[in-house]
Amino acid sequence: MVAFDLDGTLIGEDLQIRPRVIQAIGAMRDRGVQGCIVTGRMFRAALPFARSLGFEAPIICYQGAAVVDPVKDEVLLDTPLPNAAALEVAAYAKSRRLHVQLYKNDRYYCEERNRYSDYYARLSDSEPIVVSSLAEEFRFSDATKACIIAEPEVVDREIDGVRQAMGDRAYVTRSISWFIEVMDPKVDKGKAFELVARTVGVPLEATMAIGDSWNDVPLLRAAGFGVAMGSSPAELRAVSGAVVADVANDGVAEAIERYVLQ
């Protein structure tokens, strides 16, 4: 089985899977190798890609906070960010005048429609639910995750502050340069992938994972063989067994051709 991150790995900013990648994945599946989507996206935003590629393995979404069977529509894992922690992230972001979104029931909520919510809506092909108060909306419910969205240079400046504010009460990571994502501390792409491998009966030593960002470090560590995209930061390259081209140059196809089809 091969695990694929989505943004920056399978798809670029145009949100399209390139023809050579589709061909390589088809050849992989013809050899009996399964595919698994592993992403920070919501389930609804990941499902179309799994379906278009014919993947039936459970989808890992929200950085591993949820694992959902796309065939049975069954939730295999649900690890929400506790209510108090989610509201603390929202309050922190508000105090710093940062756009923040909280998620539940596979929808996302924010207090205003702006260029950050519009950016996310375009990426996820889904619309936000705008509420007058996140504190009121989530007063009695946990959040699947929280996401702060800002320009990359602002994220560079703010992410350590979020980590310090949350301490060991949350897992804080960065999936793309515009996002600070906050989940329950037990959330881990690698552990979620181990669950999927057990579910489909594939030993981890017979798996490969491909990713491009900081949040993919646990995934590449868990897989039998880890591949970093050419655009990956040093932290991901350090835990990979190989580095391939970036998404614009069909890095996923290169990985499959070199390490699966040979």
Protein backbone atom coordinates (compact mmCIF):
# COMPACT_ATOMS: atom_id res chain seq x y z
CA MET A 1 0.00 0.00 0.00
CA VAL A 2 1.14 3.54 -0.75
CA ALA A 3 0.05 6.49 1.39
CA PHE A 4 -0.34 9.81 -0.40
CA ASP A 5 -0.50 13.25 1.14
CA LEU A 6 -2.73 15.51 -0.95
CA ASP A 7 -1.76 19.21 -1.10
CA GLY A 8 1.75 19.69 -2.42
CA THR A 9 2.08 15.98 -3.12
CA LEU A 10 -0.76 14.58 -5.23
CA ILE A 11 -2.10 17.99 -6.18
CA GLY A 12 -0.64 21.44 -6.68
CA GLU A 13 -2.24 24.85 -6.45
CA ASP A 14 -4.45 24.04 -9.45
CA LEU A 15 -5.99 21.19 -7.39
CA GLN A 16 -5.49 18.77 -10.29
CA ILE A 17 -3.78 15.37 -10.39
CA ARG A 18 -1.36 15.39 -13.31
CA PRO A 19 -1.73 12.81 -16.13
CA ARG A 20 1.59 11.05 -15.50
CA VAL A 21 0.66 10.64 -11.83
CA ILE A 22 -2.75 9.18 -12.74
CA GLN A 23 -1.04 6.75 -15.13
CA ALA A 24 1.51 5.66 -12.51
CA ILE A 25 -1.18 5.13 -9.88
CA GLY A 26 -3.20 3.08 -12.35
CA ALA A 27 -0.17 0.88 -13.04
CA MET A 28 0.40 0.54 -9.30
CA ARG A 29 -3.18 -0.57 -8.71
CA ASP A 30 -2.93 -3.05 -11.60
CA ARG A 31 -0.15 -4.74 -9.61
CA GLY A 32 -2.40 -5.06 -6.57
CA VAL A 33 -0.93 -2.15 -4.61
CA GLN A 34 -3.55 -0.13 -2.75
CA GLY A 35 -3.62 3.63 -2.30
CA CYS A 36 -4.47 5.57 0.86
CA ILE A 37 -5.12 9.31 1.15
CA VAL A 38 -3.52 10.90 4.24
CA THR A 39 -4.32 14.59 4.59
CA GLY A 40 -5.10 17.51 6.85
CA ARG A 41 -8.22 18.15 4.80
CA MET A 42 -11.76 17.45 5.85
CA PHE A 43 -13.20 14.10 4.74
CA ARG A 44 -15.56 15.80 2.28
CA ALA A 45 -12.60 17.61 0.71
CA ALA A 46 -10.50 14.45 0.39
CA LEU A 47 -13.17 12.00 -0.77
CA PRO A 48 -13.39 13.19 -4.42
CA PHE A 49 -9.68 12.52 -4.93
CA ALA A 50 -9.89 9.03 -3.43
CA ARG A 51 -12.87 8.22 -5.64
CA SER A 52 -11.25 9.59 -8.78
CA LEU A 53 -8.24 7.32 -8.21
CA GLY A 54 -10.29 4.27 -7.26
CA PHE A 55 -8.91 4.09 -3.71
CA GLU A 56 -11.05 2.09 -1.29
CA ALA A 57 -8.74 2.12 1.75
CA PRO A 58 -9.90 4.25 4.69
CA ILE A 59 -9.12 7.96 4.28
CA ILE A 60 -6.99 9.63 6.94
CA CYS A 61 -8.12 13.24 7.34
CA TYR A 62 -7.63 16.15 9.76
CA GLN A 63 -3.94 15.16 10.14
CA GLY A 64 -5.05 11.81 11.59
CA ALA A 65 -7.79 13.08 13.90
CA ALA A 66 -10.32 11.10 11.84
CA VAL A 67 -10.16 7.95 9.74
CA VAL A 68 -13.20 7.23 7.57
CA ASP A 69 -14.04 4.24 5.36
CA PRO A 70 -15.05 5.81 2.02
CA VAL A 71 -16.98 2.72 0.93
CA LYS A 72 -19.06 2.13 4.06
CA ASP A 73 -18.98 5.79 5.18
CA GLU A 74 -17.94 4.44 8.59
CA VAL A 75 -15.81 6.42 11.06
CA LEU A 76 -12.96 4.21 12.26
CA LEU A 77 -11.20 6.82 14.38
CA ASP A 78 -12.33 10.13 15.87
CA THR A 79 -9.97 12.10 18.12
CA PRO A 80 -11.36 15.63 18.60
CA LEU A 81 -9.63 18.59 20.17
CA PRO A 82 -11.29 19.08 23.57
CA ASN A 83 -13.70 21.97 23.84
CA ALA A 84 -11.59 24.04 26.23
CA ALA A 85 -8.47 23.73 24.06
CA ALA A 86 -10.36 24.62 20.87
CA LEU A 87 -11.79 27.75 22.47
CA GLU A 88 -8.36 28.68 23.79
CA VAL A 89 -6.92 28.51 20.27
CA ALA A 90 -9.80 30.66 18.99
CA ALA A 91 -9.25 33.23 21.77
CA TYR A 92 -5.50 33.29 21.14
CA ALA A 93 -6.02 33.89 17.41
CA LYS A 94 -8.55 36.61 18.08
CA SER A 95 -6.16 38.35 20.46
CA ARG A 96 -3.54 38.36 17.70
CA ARG A 97 -6.07 39.44 15.05
CA LEU A 98 -5.58 36.20 13.14
CA HIS A 99 -8.24 34.37 11.15
CA VAL A 100 -9.21 31.08 12.81
CA GLN A 101 -11.57 28.26 11.87
CA LEU A 102 -12.98 25.48 14.06
CA TYR A 103 -14.29 22.22 12.64
CA LYS A 104 -17.03 19.78 13.62
CA ASN A 105 -19.22 17.26 11.79
CA ASP A 106 -17.02 17.67 8.70
CA ARG A 107 -17.85 21.38 8.37
CA TYR A 108 -15.82 24.44 9.30
CA TYR A 109 -16.87 27.58 11.13
CA CYS A 110 -15.48 31.11 11.30
CA GLU A 111 -16.67 34.52 12.47
CA GLU A 112 -16.29 36.39 9.20
CA ARG A 113 -15.94 35.82 5.49
CA ASN A 114 -12.63 37.27 4.35
CA ARG A 115 -9.75 36.51 2.01
CA TYR A 116 -8.47 33.80 4.35
CA SER A 117 -11.78 31.96 4.50
CA ASP A 118 -12.10 32.43 0.73
CA TYR A 119 -8.62 30.98 0.22
CA TYR A 120 -9.56 27.92 2.27
CA ALA A 121 -12.92 27.58 0.52
CA ARG A 122 -11.19 27.46 -2.85
CA LEU A 123 -8.68 24.86 -1.68
CA SER A 124 -11.28 22.64 -0.05
CA ASP A 125 -14.13 23.25 -2.51
CA SER A 126 -16.44 23.81 0.45
CA GLU A 127 -18.07 26.82 2.04
CA PRO A 128 -17.61 28.05 5.62
CA ILE A 129 -20.40 28.42 8.12
CA VAL A 130 -20.13 31.99 9.38
CA VAL A 131 -21.25 32.47 12.99
CA SER A 132 -21.33 35.50 15.23
CA SER A 133 -19.26 33.77 17.93
CA LEU A 134 -17.09 30.65 17.80
CA ALA A 135 -17.15 30.63 21.58
CA GLU A 136 -20.92 30.29 21.53
CA GLU A 137 -21.02 27.83 18.64
CA PHE A 138 -18.50 25.51 20.33
CA ARG A 139 -19.55 26.12 23.94
CA PHE A 140 -20.77 22.55 24.37
CA SER A 141 -18.99 20.72 21.57
CA ASP A 142 -15.43 19.62 20.84
CA ALA A 143 -13.72 20.58 17.58
CA THR A 144 -12.12 18.12 15.21
CA LYS A 145 -9.33 20.68 14.77
CA ALA A 146 -8.57 24.39 14.74
CA CYS A 147 -6.83 26.11 11.85
CA ILE A 148 -5.25 29.56 11.87
CA ILE A 149 -4.74 31.00 8.38
CA ALA A 150 -2.33 33.82 7.62
CA GLU A 151 0.39 34.85 5.19
CA PRO A 152 3.41 32.51 5.36
CA GLU A 153 5.62 35.13 6.98
CA VAL A 154 2.98 35.65 9.69
CA VAL A 155 2.73 31.90 10.24
CA ASP A 156 6.53 31.79 10.56
CA ARG A 157 6.28 34.40 13.30
CA GLU A 158 3.24 33.03 15.13
CA ILE A 159 3.52 29.23 15.15
CA ASP A 160 5.93 29.03 18.09
CA GLY A 161 3.63 31.28 20.11
CA VAL A 162 0.73 28.92 19.46
CA ARG A 163 2.86 25.96 20.53
CA GLN A 164 3.91 27.72 23.71
CA ALA A 165 0.36 28.78 24.50
CA MET A 166 -1.03 25.26 24.07
CA GLY A 167 1.89 23.31 25.56
CA ASP A 168 1.23 19.59 25.83
CA ARG A 169 -2.54 20.10 25.53
CA ALA A 170 -2.42 20.16 21.73
CA TYR A 171 -0.51 18.99 18.68
CA VAL A 172 0.44 22.01 16.58
CA THR A 173 1.72 21.51 13.05
CA ARG A 174 1.97 23.17 9.67
CA SER A 175 0.61 21.49 6.56
CA ILE A 176 1.02 24.27 4.01
CA SER A 177 2.79 27.57 4.49
CA TRP A 178 -0.46 29.49 5.21
CA PHE A 179 -1.81 27.19 7.95
CA ILE A 180 -1.23 26.57 11.64
CA GLU A 181 -3.25 23.45 12.48
CA VAL A 182 -4.08 22.47 16.05
CA MET A 183 -5.34 19.02 17.06
CA ASP A 184 -5.59 16.81 20.13
CA PRO A 185 -2.10 15.76 21.28
CA LYS A 186 -2.88 12.11 20.50
CA VAL A 187 -3.40 12.90 16.81
CA ASP A 188 -0.69 11.51 14.55
CA LYS A 189 -0.71 10.76 10.81
CA GLY A 190 1.64 7.84 11.42
CA LYS A 191 -0.53 6.16 14.05
CA ALA A 192 -3.59 6.65 11.87
CA PHE A 193 -1.75 5.02 8.97
CA GLU A 194 -0.84 2.07 11.18
CA LEU A 195 -4.57 1.66 11.89
CA VAL A 196 -5.39 1.71 8.17
CA ALA A 197 -2.66 -0.82 7.39
CA ARG A 198 -4.05 -3.19 10.03
CA THR A 199 -7.58 -2.64 8.75
CA VAL A 200 -6.70 -3.63 5.18
CA GLY A 201 -4.27 -6.37 6.24
CA VAL A 202 -1.05 -4.87 4.88
CA PRO A 203 2.13 -5.09 7.01
CA LEU A 204 3.86 -1.75 7.50
CA GLU A 205 7.05 -3.05 5.94
CA ALA A 206 5.07 -3.42 2.70
CA THR A 207 4.04 0.25 2.67
CA MET A 208 5.42 3.46 1.22
CA ALA A 209 4.41 7.01 2.11
CA ILE A 210 4.90 10.19 0.08
CA GLY A 211 4.61 13.68 1.58
CA ASP A 212 5.86 17.23 1.24
CA SER A 213 5.53 19.11 4.53
CA TRP A 214 6.23 19.23 8.26
CA ASN A 215 2.99 17.44 9.13
CA ASP A 216 4.10 14.41 7.10
CA VAL A 217 7.05 13.58 9.37
CA PRO A 218 5.04 11.07 11.51
CA LEU A 219 3.65 9.45 8.36
CA LEU A 220 7.03 8.88 6.72
CA ARG A 221 8.41 7.55 9.99
CA ALA A 222 5.58 5.00 10.26
CA ALA A 223 5.72 3.68 6.70
CA GLY A 224 8.08 0.99 5.56
CA PHE A 225 9.66 3.45 3.14
CA GLY A 226 9.26 7.22 3.16
CA VAL A 227 9.59 9.55 0.18
CA ALA A 228 9.86 13.34 0.41
CA MET A 229 8.77 15.61 -2.41
CA GLY A 230 11.34 17.99 -3.84
CA SER A 231 9.66 20.97 -2.19
CA SER A 232 9.91 19.40 1.29
CA PRO A 233 11.52 21.15 4.25
CA ALA A 234 14.70 19.76 5.80
CA GLU A 235 12.74 18.17 8.67
CA LEU A 236 10.89 15.87 6.27
CA ARG A 237 13.90 15.08 4.10
CA ALA A 238 15.72 13.97 7.26
CA VAL A 239 13.24 11.13 7.88
CA SER A 240 12.84 10.06 4.25
CA GLY A 241 14.52 7.26 2.37
CA ALA A 242 14.42 9.18 -0.90
CA VAL A 243 13.64 12.60 -2.35
CA VAL A 244 11.84 12.99 -5.67
CA ALA A 245 10.75 15.92 -7.84
CA ASP A 246 8.15 18.43 -6.67
CA VAL A 247 4.46 18.26 -7.52
CA ALA A 248 4.85 20.38 -10.68
CA ASN A 249 7.37 17.86 -12.00
CA ASP A 250 5.42 14.68 -11.21
CA GLY A 251 7.30 13.65 -8.07
CA VAL A 252 4.61 11.15 -7.09
CA ALA A 253 4.88 9.41 -10.45
CA GLU A 254 8.66 9.32 -10.08
CA ALA A 255 8.33 7.70 -6.65
CA ILE A 256 5.93 5.04 -7.92
CA GLU A 257 7.99 4.30 -11.03
CA ARG A 258 11.25 4.00 -9.05
CA TYR A 259 10.10 2.23 -5.89
CA VAL A 260 6.86 0.37 -6.72
CA LEU A 261 6.92 -0.57 -10.39
CA GLN A 262 10.59 -1.53 -10.70
